[in-house]
Amino acid sequence: MLASRLPGILPPMTQEEALASAAIQSVGSAGFDVANWKKRPYRAPHHTASAVALVGGGSNPRPGEISMAMHGVLFLDELARFDRKVLEVLARAARVRAHQRLARRAPGGVSGAVIN
């Protein structure tokens, strides 16, 4: 219960963050509720969630929990109980995101990036 309060102590969302978060929420299965404008999302997937549920995709592509928590909180309770494959997918997504941030911050930008 304490973790669900984390979005409330984070700084207020900027207009750009709110717009990006609303865009992702709008393509999710539940859609976007205007009452949640500028409220940081809180997502807490169950430890039985699949890799596709966490990362997104599938036969009818939908954003996963990682994307749905953009600019908010992704709380993984009982992390040790998540399937190893799911944790590996999560770690890969984190590495890709970190690499993208570093590439954007590089002086003069980069023309291409290789992600292993």
Protein backbone atom coordinates (compact mmCIF):
# COMPACT_ATOMS: atom_id res chain seq x y z
CA MET A 1 0.00 0.00 0.00
CA LEU A 2 2.83 2.35 0.74
CA ALA A 3 4.24 1.91 -2.77
CA SER A 4 0.96 3.07 -4.33
CA ARG A 5 1.57 6.47 -2.72
CA LEU A 6 4.90 6.99 -4.52
CA PRO A 7 3.40 8.89 -7.48
CA GLY A 8 2.03 11.44 -5.00
CA ILE A 9 5.47 12.39 -3.70
CA LEU A 10 7.10 12.65 -7.13
CA PRO A 11 7.39 16.10 -8.72
CA PRO A 12 4.39 17.31 -10.76
CA MET A 13 4.31 16.17 -14.38
CA THR A 14 5.31 18.63 -17.05
CA GLN A 15 2.98 19.22 -19.98
CA GLU A 16 5.23 17.09 -22.23
CA GLU A 17 5.34 14.22 -19.73
CA ALA A 18 1.57 14.33 -19.27
CA LEU A 19 0.98 14.28 -23.02
CA ALA A 20 3.39 11.34 -23.55
CA SER A 21 1.85 9.40 -20.67
CA ALA A 22 -1.69 10.08 -21.90
CA ALA A 23 -0.77 8.94 -25.41
CA ILE A 24 0.51 5.59 -24.11
CA GLN A 25 -2.46 5.16 -21.77
CA SER A 26 -4.89 5.86 -24.62
CA VAL A 27 -3.69 2.86 -26.64
CA GLY A 28 -3.78 0.56 -23.60
CA SER A 29 -6.68 -1.81 -23.03
CA ALA A 30 -8.41 0.51 -20.52
CA GLY A 31 -7.87 3.72 -22.49
CA PHE A 32 -7.11 7.11 -20.95
CA ASP A 33 -9.32 8.73 -18.33
CA VAL A 34 -9.17 12.54 -18.47
CA ALA A 35 -9.46 12.60 -14.67
CA ASN A 36 -5.91 11.20 -14.62
CA TRP A 37 -4.41 14.10 -16.57
CA LYS A 38 -1.04 15.06 -15.06
CA LYS A 39 -1.26 12.23 -12.52
CA ARG A 40 1.73 9.93 -12.57
CA PRO A 41 0.72 6.35 -13.36
CA TYR A 42 1.23 3.56 -10.86
CA ARG A 43 1.51 0.01 -12.20
CA ALA A 44 2.00 -3.11 -10.09
CA PRO A 45 1.90 -6.25 -12.26
CA HIS A 46 1.46 -9.62 -10.58
CA HIS A 47 4.51 -11.87 -10.40
CA THR A 48 2.82 -14.29 -12.83
CA ALA A 49 2.77 -11.64 -15.59
CA SER A 50 4.34 -12.78 -18.85
CA ALA A 51 7.19 -11.06 -20.67
CA VAL A 52 4.71 -9.77 -23.27
CA ALA A 53 2.52 -8.31 -20.51
CA LEU A 54 5.54 -6.49 -19.09
CA VAL A 55 7.16 -5.29 -22.31
CA GLY A 56 4.20 -5.19 -24.67
CA GLY A 57 3.50 -6.62 -28.08
CA GLY A 58 1.50 -9.74 -28.87
CA SER A 59 -0.68 -10.64 -31.84
CA ASN A 60 -2.75 -7.49 -31.22
CA PRO A 61 0.09 -5.17 -30.12
CA ARG A 62 -0.53 -3.30 -26.91
CA PRO A 63 1.84 -1.41 -24.62
CA GLY A 64 3.15 -3.43 -21.70
CA GLU A 65 3.41 -2.50 -18.05
CA ILE A 66 6.78 -0.81 -18.59
CA SER A 67 5.31 1.58 -21.14
CA MET A 68 2.09 2.09 -19.19
CA ALA A 69 4.16 3.23 -16.20
CA MET A 70 6.04 5.84 -18.25
CA HIS A 71 6.80 8.92 -16.11
CA GLY A 72 5.28 7.13 -13.12
CA VAL A 73 5.97 4.10 -10.94
CA LEU A 74 6.40 0.46 -11.96
CA PHE A 75 6.30 -1.52 -8.73
CA LEU A 76 7.43 -5.14 -8.92
CA ASP A 77 6.37 -6.69 -5.63
CA GLU A 78 7.90 -10.08 -4.83
CA LEU A 79 10.54 -9.59 -7.51
CA ALA A 80 12.17 -12.94 -6.75
CA ARG A 81 8.95 -14.73 -7.70
CA PHE A 82 8.92 -13.34 -11.26
CA ASP A 83 9.93 -15.84 -13.93
CA ARG A 84 13.61 -15.63 -14.91
CA LYS A 85 12.74 -14.97 -18.59
CA VAL A 86 10.51 -12.07 -17.56
CA LEU A 87 13.31 -10.55 -15.47
CA GLU A 88 15.77 -10.94 -18.36
CA VAL A 89 13.36 -9.11 -20.68
CA LEU A 90 12.96 -6.38 -18.07
CA ALA A 91 16.75 -6.05 -17.67
CA ARG A 92 17.20 -5.83 -21.45
CA ALA A 93 14.56 -3.10 -21.68
CA ALA A 94 16.36 -1.17 -18.93
CA ARG A 95 19.73 -1.49 -20.72
CA VAL A 96 18.23 -0.32 -24.02
CA ARG A 97 16.62 2.67 -22.30
CA ALA A 98 19.87 3.58 -20.53
CA HIS A 99 21.77 3.33 -23.82
CA GLN A 100 19.23 5.57 -25.56
CA ARG A 101 19.58 8.21 -22.83
CA LEU A 102 23.37 8.15 -23.07
CA ALA A 103 23.23 8.44 -26.87
CA ARG A 104 20.94 11.48 -26.66
CA ARG A 105 23.25 13.20 -24.18
CA ALA A 106 26.39 12.67 -26.26
CA PRO A 107 27.88 15.93 -27.62
CA GLY A 108 26.81 16.41 -31.22
CA GLY A 109 24.44 13.43 -31.02
CA VAL A 110 25.07 10.09 -32.67
CA SER A 111 24.29 8.95 -36.16
CA GLY A 112 23.67 5.32 -35.18
CA ALA A 113 23.77 3.08 -32.20
CA VAL A 114 24.35 -0.61 -31.73
CA ILE A 115 22.47 -2.25 -28.88
CA ASN A 116 23.50 -5.74 -27.82
